[in-house]
Full PDB file with SEQRES, HELIX, SHEET, SSBOND, CRYST1, ORIGX, SCALE, CONECT and MASTER records, all heavy atoms in Angstrom:
SEQRES   1 A   40  ALA PRO SER THR ASP LEU LYS ALA LEU SER LYS ASP ARG          
SEQRES   2 A   40  VAL ASN MET LYS MET SER THR PHE LEU GLN LEU GLY ARG          
SEQRES   3 A   40  ASP SER LEU MET SER LEU THR PRO ALA GLU VAL LYS GLY          
SEQRES   4 A   40  LEU                                                          
HELIX    1 AA1 SER A    3  SER A   10  1                                   8    
HELIX    2 AA2 MET A   18  PHE A   21  1                                   4    
HELIX    3 AA3 ARG A   26  MET A   30  1                                   5    
HELIX    4 AA4 PRO A   34  GLY A   39  1                                   6    
CRYST1    1.000    1.000    1.000  90.00  90.00  90.00 P 1           1          
ORIGX1      1.000000  0.000000  0.000000        0.00000                         
ORIGX2      0.000000  1.000000  0.000000        0.00000                         
ORIGX3      0.000000  0.000000  1.000000        0.00000                         
SCALE1      1.000000  0.000000  0.000000        0.00000                         
SCALE2      0.000000  1.000000  0.000000        0.00000                         
SCALE3      0.000000  0.000000  1.000000        0.00000                         
ATOM      1  N   ALA A   1    -168.318-117.427  99.530  1.00  0.00           N  
ATOM      2  CA  ALA A   1    -168.611-116.362  98.556  1.00  0.00           C  
ATOM      3  C   ALA A   1    -168.246-114.996  99.113  1.00  0.00           C  
ATOM      4  O   ALA A   1    -168.607-114.657 100.240  1.00  0.00           O  
ATOM      5  CB  ALA A   1    -170.083-116.388  98.182  1.00  0.00           C  
ATOM      6  N   PRO A   2    -167.554-114.159  98.331  1.00  0.00           N  
ATOM      7  CA  PRO A   2    -167.256-112.794  98.774  1.00  0.00           C  
ATOM      8  C   PRO A   2    -168.524-111.950  98.720  1.00  0.00           C  
ATOM      9  O   PRO A   2    -169.511-112.306  98.065  1.00  0.00           O  
ATOM     10  CB  PRO A   2    -166.218-112.314  97.754  1.00  0.00           C  
ATOM     11  CG  PRO A   2    -166.518-113.103  96.521  1.00  0.00           C  
ATOM     12  CD  PRO A   2    -166.972-114.451  97.009  1.00  0.00           C  
ATOM     13  N   SER A   3    -168.496-110.826  99.390  1.00  0.00           N  
ATOM     14  CA  SER A   3    -169.682-109.975  99.462  1.00  0.00           C  
ATOM     15  C   SER A   3    -170.143-109.493  98.088  1.00  0.00           C  
ATOM     16  O   SER A   3    -171.341-109.353  97.838  1.00  0.00           O  
ATOM     17  CB  SER A   3    -169.407-108.766 100.365  1.00  0.00           C  
ATOM     18  OG  SER A   3    -168.322-107.995  99.859  1.00  0.00           O  
ATOM     19  N   THR A   4    -169.196-109.262  97.172  1.00  0.00           N  
ATOM     20  CA  THR A   4    -169.567-108.780  95.837  1.00  0.00           C  
ATOM     21  C   THR A   4    -170.458-109.792  95.113  1.00  0.00           C  
ATOM     22  O   THR A   4    -171.415-109.411  94.422  1.00  0.00           O  
ATOM     23  CB  THR A   4    -168.320-108.498  94.990  1.00  0.00           C  
ATOM     24  OG1 THR A   4    -167.452-109.652  95.025  1.00  0.00           O  
ATOM     25  CG2 THR A   4    -167.568-107.298  95.527  1.00  0.00           C  
ATOM     26  N   ASP A   5    -170.157-111.070  95.277  1.00  0.00           N  
ATOM     27  CA  ASP A   5    -170.960-112.112  94.630  1.00  0.00           C  
ATOM     28  C   ASP A   5    -172.326-112.235  95.290  1.00  0.00           C  
ATOM     29  O   ASP A   5    -173.334-112.468  94.618  1.00  0.00           O  
ATOM     30  CB  ASP A   5    -170.228-113.451  94.684  1.00  0.00           C  
ATOM     31  CG  ASP A   5    -169.046-113.501  93.722  1.00  0.00           C  
ATOM     32  OD1 ASP A   5    -168.726-112.457  93.122  1.00  0.00           O  
ATOM     33  OD2 ASP A   5    -168.435-114.567  93.576  1.00  0.00           O  
ATOM     34  N   LEU A   6    -172.370-112.092  96.606  1.00  0.00           N  
ATOM     35  CA  LEU A   6    -173.651-112.168  97.316  1.00  0.00           C  
ATOM     36  C   LEU A   6    -174.537-110.984  96.941  1.00  0.00           C  
ATOM     37  O   LEU A   6    -175.761-111.127  96.786  1.00  0.00           O  
ATOM     38  CB  LEU A   6    -173.421-112.194  98.825  1.00  0.00           C  
ATOM     39  CG  LEU A   6    -172.707-113.436  99.366  1.00  0.00           C  
ATOM     40  CD1 LEU A   6    -172.477-113.294 100.868  1.00  0.00           C  
ATOM     41  CD2 LEU A   6    -173.518-114.702  99.084  1.00  0.00           C  
ATOM     42  N   LYS A   7    -173.933-109.813  96.792  1.00  0.00           N  
ATOM     43  CA  LYS A   7    -174.703-108.635  96.392  1.00  0.00           C  
ATOM     44  C   LYS A   7    -175.292-108.837  94.998  1.00  0.00           C  
ATOM     45  O   LYS A   7    -176.423-108.423  94.713  1.00  0.00           O  
ATOM     46  CB  LYS A   7    -173.806-107.392  96.422  1.00  0.00           C  
ATOM     47  CG  LYS A   7    -173.375-106.962  97.827  1.00  0.00           C  
ATOM     48  CD  LYS A   7    -172.385-105.799  97.764  1.00  0.00           C  
ATOM     49  CE  LYS A   7    -171.877-105.428  99.145  1.00  0.00           C  
ATOM     50  NZ  LYS A   7    -172.927-104.804  99.982  1.00  0.00           N  
ATOM     51  N   ALA A   8    -174.525-109.484  94.114  1.00  0.00           N  
ATOM     52  CA  ALA A   8    -175.016-109.756  92.771  1.00  0.00           C  
ATOM     53  C   ALA A   8    -176.179-110.748  92.816  1.00  0.00           C  
ATOM     54  O   ALA A   8    -177.182-110.584  92.116  1.00  0.00           O  
ATOM     55  CB  ALA A   8    -173.889-110.305  91.899  1.00  0.00           C  
ATOM     56  N   LEU A   9    -176.065-111.771  93.652  1.00  0.00           N  
ATOM     57  CA  LEU A   9    -177.141-112.761  93.780  1.00  0.00           C  
ATOM     58  C   LEU A   9    -178.409-112.131  94.352  1.00  0.00           C  
ATOM     59  O   LEU A   9    -179.516-112.551  94.018  1.00  0.00           O  
ATOM     60  CB  LEU A   9    -176.693-113.910  94.684  1.00  0.00           C  
ATOM     61  CG  LEU A   9    -175.713-114.927  94.089  1.00  0.00           C  
ATOM     62  CD1 LEU A   9    -175.315-115.957  95.157  1.00  0.00           C  
ATOM     63  CD2 LEU A   9    -176.329-115.630  92.882  1.00  0.00           C  
ATOM     64  N   SER A  10    -178.243-111.125  95.204  1.00  0.00           N  
ATOM     65  CA  SER A  10    -179.408-110.501  95.823  1.00  0.00           C  
ATOM     66  C   SER A  10    -180.305-109.840  94.779  1.00  0.00           C  
ATOM     67  O   SER A  10    -181.513-109.709  94.983  1.00  0.00           O  
ATOM     68  CB  SER A  10    -178.976-109.470  96.872  1.00  0.00           C  
ATOM     69  OG  SER A  10    -178.425-108.309  96.255  1.00  0.00           O  
ATOM     70  N   LYS A  11    -179.730-109.451  93.660  1.00  0.00           N  
ATOM     71  CA  LYS A  11    -180.514-108.815  92.605  1.00  0.00           C  
ATOM     72  C   LYS A  11    -181.371-109.832  91.850  1.00  0.00           C  
ATOM     73  O   LYS A  11    -182.311-109.457  91.153  1.00  0.00           O  
ATOM     74  CB  LYS A  11    -179.580-108.093  91.632  1.00  0.00           C  
ATOM     75  CG  LYS A  11    -178.775-106.971  92.286  1.00  0.00           C  
ATOM     76  CD  LYS A  11    -177.814-106.333  91.298  1.00  0.00           C  
ATOM     77  CE  LYS A  11    -176.984-105.240  91.962  1.00  0.00           C  
ATOM     78  NZ  LYS A  11    -176.008-104.621  91.031  1.00  0.00           N  
ATOM     79  N   ASP A  12    -181.012-111.120  91.995  1.00  0.00           N  
ATOM     80  CA  ASP A  12    -181.755-112.182  91.306  1.00  0.00           C  
ATOM     81  C   ASP A  12    -182.845-112.799  92.174  1.00  0.00           C  
ATOM     82  O   ASP A  12    -183.542-113.709  91.724  1.00  0.00           O  
ATOM     83  CB  ASP A  12    -180.788-113.289  90.842  1.00  0.00           C  
ATOM     84  CG  ASP A  12    -179.808-112.795  89.792  1.00  0.00           C  
ATOM     85  OD1 ASP A  12    -180.256-112.135  88.845  1.00  0.00           O  
ATOM     86  OD2 ASP A  12    -178.607-113.062  89.929  1.00  0.00           O  
ATOM     87  N   ARG A  13    -182.955-112.310  93.429  1.00  0.00           N  
ATOM     88  CA  ARG A  13    -183.992-112.814  94.347  1.00  0.00           C  
ATOM     89  C   ARG A  13    -184.012-114.341  94.330  1.00  0.00           C  
ATOM     90  O   ARG A  13    -184.975-114.982  93.867  1.00  0.00           O  
ATOM     91  CB  ARG A  13    -185.361-112.240  93.990  1.00  0.00           C  
ATOM     92  CG  ARG A  13    -185.390-110.728  93.998  1.00  0.00           C  
ATOM     93  CD  ARG A  13    -186.786-110.167  93.846  1.00  0.00           C  
ATOM     94  NE  ARG A  13    -187.607-110.502  95.006  1.00  0.00           N  
ATOM     95  CZ  ARG A  13    -187.624-109.802  96.130  1.00  0.00           C  
ATOM     96  NH1 ARG A  13    -186.847-108.738  96.268  1.00  0.00           N  
ATOM     97  NH2 ARG A  13    -188.402-110.158  97.125  1.00  0.00           N  
ATOM     98  N   VAL A  14    -182.965-114.931  94.858  1.00  0.00           N  
ATOM     99  CA  VAL A  14    -182.761-116.381  94.764  1.00  0.00           C  
ATOM    100  C   VAL A  14    -183.536-117.176  95.816  1.00  0.00           C  
ATOM    101  O   VAL A  14    -183.498-118.401  95.816  1.00  0.00           O  
ATOM    102  CB  VAL A  14    -181.260-116.716  94.886  1.00  0.00           C  
ATOM    103  CG1 VAL A  14    -180.509-116.177  93.690  1.00  0.00           C  
ATOM    104  CG2 VAL A  14    -180.667-116.153  96.187  1.00  0.00           C  
ATOM    105  N   ASN A  15    -184.234-116.488  96.736  1.00  0.00           N  
ATOM    106  CA  ASN A  15    -184.985-117.177  97.790  1.00  0.00           C  
ATOM    107  C   ASN A  15    -184.078-118.143  98.572  1.00  0.00           C  
ATOM    108  O   ASN A  15    -184.380-119.328  98.732  1.00  0.00           O  
ATOM    109  CB  ASN A  15    -186.181-117.940  97.201  1.00  0.00           C  
ATOM    110  CG  ASN A  15    -187.214-117.013  96.597  1.00  0.00           C  
ATOM    111  OD1 ASN A  15    -187.482-115.929  97.119  1.00  0.00           O  
ATOM    112  ND2 ASN A  15    -187.783-117.417  95.474  1.00  0.00           N  
ATOM    113  N   MET A  16    -182.967-117.604  99.034  1.00  0.00           N  
ATOM    114  CA  MET A  16    -181.993-118.400  99.783  1.00  0.00           C  
ATOM    115  C   MET A  16    -182.609-118.959 101.062  1.00  0.00           C  
ATOM    116  O   MET A  16    -183.304-118.250 101.787  1.00  0.00           O  
ATOM    117  CB  MET A  16    -180.774-117.525 100.133  1.00  0.00           C  
ATOM    118  CG  MET A  16    -179.674-118.233 100.912  1.00  0.00           C  
ATOM    119  SD  MET A  16    -178.287-117.115 101.315  1.00  0.00           S  
ATOM    120  CE  MET A  16    -177.545-116.917  99.691  1.00  0.00           C  
ATOM    121  N   LYS A  17    -182.350-120.221 101.330  1.00  0.00           N  
ATOM    122  CA  LYS A  17    -182.835-120.834 102.558  1.00  0.00           C  
ATOM    123  C   LYS A  17    -182.063-120.284 103.753  1.00  0.00           C  
ATOM    124  O   LYS A  17    -180.888-119.926 103.640  1.00  0.00           O  
ATOM    125  CB  LYS A  17    -182.685-122.354 102.492  1.00  0.00           C  
ATOM    126  CG  LYS A  17    -183.548-123.023 101.431  1.00  0.00           C  
ATOM    127  CD  LYS A  17    -183.348-124.524 101.433  1.00  0.00           C  
ATOM    128  CE  LYS A  17    -184.218-125.200 100.380  1.00  0.00           C  
ATOM    129  NZ  LYS A  17    -184.002-126.673 100.344  1.00  0.00           N  
ATOM    130  N   MET A  18    -182.708-120.254 104.898  1.00  0.00           N  
ATOM    131  CA  MET A  18    -182.061-119.707 106.086  1.00  0.00           C  
ATOM    132  C   MET A  18    -180.841-120.538 106.483  1.00  0.00           C  
ATOM    133  O   MET A  18    -179.844-119.998 106.963  1.00  0.00           O  
ATOM    134  CB  MET A  18    -183.067-119.676 107.246  1.00  0.00           C  
ATOM    135  CG  MET A  18    -182.660-118.751 108.375  1.00  0.00           C  
ATOM    136  SD  MET A  18    -182.633-117.026 107.806  1.00  0.00           S  
ATOM    137  CE  MET A  18    -181.553-116.302 109.040  1.00  0.00           C  
ATOM    138  N   SER A  19    -180.885-121.835 106.268  1.00  0.00           N  
ATOM    139  CA  SER A  19    -179.747-122.697 106.604  1.00  0.00           C  
ATOM    140  C   SER A  19    -178.515-122.308 105.785  1.00  0.00           C  
ATOM    141  O   SER A  19    -177.385-122.359 106.288  1.00  0.00           O  
ATOM    142  CB  SER A  19    -180.102-124.169 106.356  1.00  0.00           C  
ATOM    143  OG  SER A  19    -180.517-124.373 105.014  1.00  0.00           O  
ATOM    144  N   THR A  20    -178.726-121.906 104.540  1.00  0.00           N  
ATOM    145  CA  THR A  20    -177.615-121.449 103.692  1.00  0.00           C  
ATOM    146  C   THR A  20    -177.135-120.079 104.142  1.00  0.00           C  
ATOM    147  O   THR A  20    -175.932-119.820 104.216  1.00  0.00           O  
ATOM    148  CB  THR A  20    -178.052-121.382 102.223  1.00  0.00           C  
ATOM    149  OG1 THR A  20    -178.504-122.678 101.799  1.00  0.00           O  
ATOM    150  CG2 THR A  20    -176.915-120.932 101.326  1.00  0.00           C  
ATOM    151  N   PHE A  21    -178.073-119.204 104.460  1.00  0.00           N  
ATOM    152  CA  PHE A  21    -177.741-117.844 104.898  1.00  0.00           C  
ATOM    153  C   PHE A  21    -176.854-117.867 106.143  1.00  0.00           C  
ATOM    154  O   PHE A  21    -175.901-117.087 106.252  1.00  0.00           O  
ATOM    155  CB  PHE A  21    -179.029-117.082 105.189  1.00  0.00           C  
ATOM    156  CG  PHE A  21    -178.819-115.649 105.598  1.00  0.00           C  
ATOM    157  CD1 PHE A  21    -178.591-114.662 104.646  1.00  0.00           C  
ATOM    158  CD2 PHE A  21    -178.863-115.276 106.937  1.00  0.00           C  
ATOM    159  CE1 PHE A  21    -178.397-113.338 105.022  1.00  0.00           C  
ATOM    160  CE2 PHE A  21    -178.664-113.955 107.320  1.00  0.00           C  
ATOM    161  CZ  PHE A  21    -178.436-112.986 106.351  1.00  0.00           C  
ATOM    162  N   LEU A  22    -177.141-118.761 107.073  1.00  0.00           N  
ATOM    163  CA  LEU A  22    -176.388-118.833 108.321  1.00  0.00           C  
ATOM    164  C   LEU A  22    -174.967-119.358 108.115  1.00  0.00           C  
ATOM    165  O   LEU A  22    -174.121-119.213 108.995  1.00  0.00           O  
ATOM    166  CB  LEU A  22    -177.121-119.727 109.325  1.00  0.00           C  
ATOM    167  CG  LEU A  22    -178.476-119.201 109.806  1.00  0.00           C  
ATOM    168  CD1 LEU A  22    -179.180-120.244 110.668  1.00  0.00           C  
ATOM    169  CD2 LEU A  22    -178.306-117.897 110.577  1.00  0.00           C  
ATOM    170  N   GLN A  23    -174.705-119.970 106.960  1.00  0.00           N  
ATOM    171  CA  GLN A  23    -173.385-120.500 106.668  1.00  0.00           C  
ATOM    172  C   GLN A  23    -172.504-119.512 105.900  1.00  0.00           C  
ATOM    173  O   GLN A  23    -171.342-119.803 105.620  1.00  0.00           O  
ATOM    174  CB  GLN A  23    -173.508-121.798 105.855  1.00  0.00           C  
ATOM    175  CG  GLN A  23    -174.134-122.963 106.606  1.00  0.00           C  
ATOM    176  CD  GLN A  23    -173.297-123.412 107.786  1.00  0.00           C  
ATOM    177  OE1 GLN A  23    -172.061-123.317 107.760  1.00  0.00           O  
ATOM    178  NE2 GLN A  23    -173.944-123.910 108.823  1.00  0.00           N  
ATOM    179  N   LEU A  24    -173.047-118.348 105.568  1.00  0.00           N  
ATOM    180  CA  LEU A  24    -172.255-117.365 104.829  1.00  0.00           C  
ATOM    181  C   LEU A  24    -171.073-116.891 105.667  1.00  0.00           C  
ATOM    182  O   LEU A  24    -171.142-116.852 106.901  1.00  0.00           O  
ATOM    183  CB  LEU A  24    -173.123-116.160 104.453  1.00  0.00           C  
ATOM    184  CG  LEU A  24    -174.310-116.432 103.524  1.00  0.00           C  
ATOM    185  CD1 LEU A  24    -175.080-115.139 103.270  1.00  0.00           C  
ATOM    186  CD2 LEU A  24    -173.867-117.058 102.217  1.00  0.00           C  
ATOM    187  N   GLY A  25    -169.993-116.521 105.007  1.00  0.00           N  
ATOM    188  CA  GLY A  25    -168.829-116.005 105.720  1.00  0.00           C  
ATOM    189  C   GLY A  25    -169.187-114.765 106.514  1.00  0.00           C  
ATOM    190  O   GLY A  25    -169.948-113.915 106.027  1.00  0.00           O  
ATOM    191  N   ARG A  26    -168.650-114.639 107.706  1.00  0.00           N  
ATOM    192  CA  ARG A  26    -169.006-113.531 108.582  1.00  0.00           C  
ATOM    193  C   ARG A  26    -168.721-112.170 107.941  1.00  0.00           C  
ATOM    194  O   ARG A  26    -169.552-111.275 107.957  1.00  0.00           O  
ATOM    195  CB  ARG A  26    -168.254-113.656 109.907  1.00  0.00           C  
ATOM    196  CG  ARG A  26    -168.548-112.510 110.881  1.00  0.00           C  
ATOM    197  CD  ARG A  26    -167.756-112.662 112.174  1.00  0.00           C  
ATOM    198  NE  ARG A  26    -167.947-111.506 113.021  1.00  0.00           N  
ATOM    199  CZ  ARG A  26    -168.977-111.327 113.852  1.00  0.00           C  
ATOM    200  NH1 ARG A  26    -169.910-112.255 113.923  1.00  0.00           N  
ATOM    201  NH2 ARG A  26    -169.086-110.248 114.610  1.00  0.00           N  
ATOM    202  N   ASP A  27    -167.534-112.020 107.369  1.00  0.00           N  
ATOM    203  CA  ASP A  27    -167.172-110.729 106.774  1.00  0.00           C  
ATOM    204  C   ASP A  27    -168.111-110.384 105.617  1.00  0.00           C  
ATOM    205  O   ASP A  27    -168.507-109.224 105.449  1.00  0.00           O  
ATOM    206  CB  ASP A  27    -165.726-110.763 106.278  1.00  0.00           C  
ATOM    207  CG  ASP A  27    -164.724-110.793 107.425  1.00  0.00           C  
ATOM    208  OD1 ASP A  27    -165.131-110.499 108.570  1.00  0.00           O  
ATOM    209  OD2 ASP A  27    -163.550-111.124 107.180  1.00  0.00           O  
ATOM    210  N   SER A  28    -168.453-111.389 104.823  1.00  0.00           N  
ATOM    211  CA  SER A  28    -169.350-111.154 103.692  1.00  0.00           C  
ATOM    212  C   SER A  28    -170.736-110.765 104.178  1.00  0.00           C  
ATOM    213  O   SER A  28    -171.370-109.850 103.641  1.00  0.00           O  
ATOM    214  CB  SER A  28    -169.428-112.403 102.810  1.00  0.00           C  
ATOM    215  OG  SER A  28    -168.168-112.706 102.239  1.00  0.00           O  
ATOM    216  N   LEU A  29    -171.212-111.450 105.212  1.00  0.00           N  
ATOM    217  CA  LEU A  29    -172.544-111.177 105.754  1.00  0.00           C  
ATOM    218  C   LEU A  29    -172.624-109.762 106.319  1.00  0.00           C  
ATOM    219  O   LEU A  29    -173.598-109.040 106.091  1.00  0.00           O  
ATOM    220  CB  LEU A  29    -172.886-112.192 106.839  1.00  0.00           C  
ATOM    221  CG  LEU A  29    -174.180-111.951 107.624  1.00  0.00           C  
ATOM    222  CD1 LEU A  29    -175.384-111.957 106.680  1.00  0.00           C  
ATOM    223  CD2 LEU A  29    -174.352-112.999 108.714  1.00  0.00           C  
ATOM    224  N   MET A  30    -171.599-109.348 107.057  1.00  0.00           N  
ATOM    225  CA  MET A  30    -171.619-108.050 107.708  1.00  0.00           C  
ATOM    226  C   MET A  30    -171.635-106.887 106.719  1.00  0.00           C  
ATOM    227  O   MET A  30    -172.032-105.775 107.064  1.00  0.00           O  
ATOM    228  CB  MET A  30    -170.413-107.909 108.644  1.00  0.00           C  
ATOM    229  CG  MET A  30    -170.473-108.812 109.850  1.00  0.00           C  
ATOM    230  SD  MET A  30    -171.947-108.537 110.856  1.00  0.00           S  
ATOM    231  CE  MET A  30    -171.954-110.031 111.853  1.00  0.00           C  
ATOM    232  N   SER A  31    -171.222-107.131 105.495  1.00  0.00           N  
ATOM    233  CA  SER A  31    -171.184-106.051 104.505  1.00  0.00           C  
ATOM    234  C   SER A  31    -172.503-105.899 103.753  1.00  0.00           C  
ATOM    235  O   SER A  31    -172.646-104.968 102.950  1.00  0.00           O  
ATOM    236  CB  SER A  31    -170.054-106.308 103.500  1.00  0.00           C  
ATOM    237  OG  SER A  31    -170.361-107.423 102.692  1.00  0.00           O  
ATOM    238  N   LEU A  32    -173.468-106.782 104.007  1.00  0.00           N  
ATOM    239  CA  LEU A  32    -174.743-106.725 103.299  1.00  0.00           C  
ATOM    240  C   LEU A  32    -175.696-105.737 103.961  1.00  0.00           C  
ATOM    241  O   LEU A  32    -175.769-105.642 105.184  1.00  0.00           O  
ATOM    242  CB  LEU A  32    -175.391-108.110 103.276  1.00  0.00           C  
ATOM    243  CG  LEU A  32    -174.627-109.221 102.560  1.00  0.00           C  
ATOM    244  CD1 LEU A  32    -175.374-110.545 102.695  1.00  0.00           C  
ATOM    245  CD2 LEU A  32    -174.408-108.873 101.093  1.00  0.00           C  
ATOM    246  N   THR A  33    -176.428-105.013 103.156  1.00  0.00           N  
ATOM    247  CA  THR A  33    -177.446-104.101 103.663  1.00  0.00           C  
ATOM    248  C   THR A  33    -178.758-104.854 103.854  1.00  0.00           C  
ATOM    249  O   THR A  33    -178.939-105.951 103.315  1.00  0.00           O  
ATOM    250  CB  THR A  33    -177.683-102.951 102.666  1.00  0.00           C  
ATOM    251  OG1 THR A  33    -178.253-103.504 101.460  1.00  0.00           O  
ATOM    252  CG2 THR A  33    -176.378-102.249 102.320  1.00  0.00           C  
ATOM    253  N   PRO A  34    -179.698-104.307 104.621  1.00  0.00           N  
ATOM    254  CA  PRO A  34    -181.000-104.947 104.770  1.00  0.00           C  
ATOM    255  C   PRO A  34    -181.683-105.206 103.434  1.00  0.00           C  
ATOM    256  O   PRO A  34    -182.300-106.258 103.243  1.00  0.00           O  
ATOM    257  CB  PRO A  34    -181.777-103.945 105.630  1.00  0.00           C  
ATOM    258  CG  PRO A  34    -180.731-103.307 106.478  1.00  0.00           C  
ATOM    259  CD  PRO A  34    -179.556-103.162 105.558  1.00  0.00           C  
ATOM    260  N   ALA A  35    -181.578-104.272 102.508  1.00  0.00           N  
ATOM    261  CA  ALA A  35    -182.201-104.457 101.194  1.00  0.00           C  
ATOM    262  C   ALA A  35    -181.570-105.637 100.456  1.00  0.00           C  
ATOM    263  O   ALA A  35    -182.272-106.410  99.779  1.00  0.00           O  
ATOM    264  CB  ALA A  35    -182.060-103.182 100.371  1.00  0.00           C  
ATOM    265  N   GLU A  36    -180.259-105.801 100.590  1.00  0.00           N  
ATOM    266  CA  GLU A  36    -179.574-106.911  99.923  1.00  0.00           C  
ATOM    267  C   GLU A  36    -179.926-108.241 100.568  1.00  0.00           C  
ATOM    268  O   GLU A  36    -180.071-109.259  99.882  1.00  0.00           O  
ATOM    269  CB  GLU A  36    -178.064-106.668  99.944  1.00  0.00           C  
ATOM    270  CG  GLU A  36    -177.644-105.539  99.010  1.00  0.00           C  
ATOM    271  CD  GLU A  36    -176.251-105.033  99.275  1.00  0.00           C  
ATOM    272  OE1 GLU A  36    -175.674-105.329 100.349  1.00  0.00           O  
ATOM    273  OE2 GLU A  36    -175.713-104.321  98.392  1.00  0.00           O  
ATOM    274  N   VAL A  37    -180.060-108.256 101.890  1.00  0.00           N  
ATOM    275  CA  VAL A  37    -180.481-109.470 102.584  1.00  0.00           C  
ATOM    276  C   VAL A  37    -181.897-109.864 102.148  1.00  0.00           C  
ATOM    277  O   VAL A  37    -182.202-111.037 101.937  1.00  0.00           O  
ATOM    278  CB  VAL A  37    -180.424-109.282 104.115  1.00  0.00           C  
ATOM    279  CG1 VAL A  37    -181.148-110.419 104.833  1.00  0.00           C  
ATOM    280  CG2 VAL A  37    -178.967-109.211 104.569  1.00  0.00           C  
ATOM    281  N   LYS A  38    -182.740-108.869 101.991  1.00  0.00           N  
ATOM    282  CA  LYS A  38    -184.099-109.125 101.510  1.00  0.00           C  
ATOM    283  C   LYS A  38    -184.062-109.740 100.114  1.00  0.00           C  
ATOM    284  O   LYS A  38    -184.821-110.673  99.811  1.00  0.00           O  
ATOM    285  CB  LYS A  38    -184.900-107.825 101.493  1.00  0.00           C  
ATOM    286  CG  LYS A  38    -186.332-107.996 101.007  1.00  0.00           C  
ATOM    287  CD  LYS A  38    -187.087-106.662 101.022  1.00  0.00           C  
ATOM    288  CE  LYS A  38    -188.521-106.848 100.543  1.00  0.00           C  
ATOM    289  NZ  LYS A  38    -189.282-105.553 100.580  1.00  0.00           N  
ATOM    290  N   GLY A  39    -183.169-109.233  99.268  1.00  0.00           N  
ATOM    291  CA  GLY A  39    -183.038-109.775  97.929  1.00  0.00           C  
ATOM    292  C   GLY A  39    -182.564-111.214  97.926  1.00  0.00           C  
ATOM    293  O   GLY A  39    -182.983-112.015  97.093  1.00  0.00           O  
ATOM    294  N   LEU A  40    -181.680-111.549  98.864  1.00  0.00           N  
ATOM    295  CA  LEU A  40    -181.177-112.923  98.953  1.00  0.00           C  
ATOM    296  C   LEU A  40    -182.238-113.887  99.480  1.00  0.00           C  
ATOM    297  O   LEU A  40    -182.462-114.958  98.903  1.00  0.00           O  
ATOM    298  CB  LEU A  40    -179.950-112.976  99.865  1.00  0.00           C  
ATOM    299  CG  LEU A  40    -178.622-112.458  99.317  1.00  0.00           C  
ATOM    300  CD1 LEU A  40    -177.557-112.489 100.399  1.00  0.00           C  
ATOM    301  CD2 LEU A  40    -178.167-113.299  98.121  1.00  0.00           C  
TER     302      LEU A  40                                                      
MASTER        0    0    0    4    0    0    0    6  301    1    0    4          
END                                                                             
């Protein structure tokens, strides 16, 4: 998933599991803010 899609998902508070979070693409992960990570 590109960062734009992850940022959109963060607004839906999807309660992403940590195992899924650790599999995110590095570039996409690095572009997320703390608030967006909290949303995910």
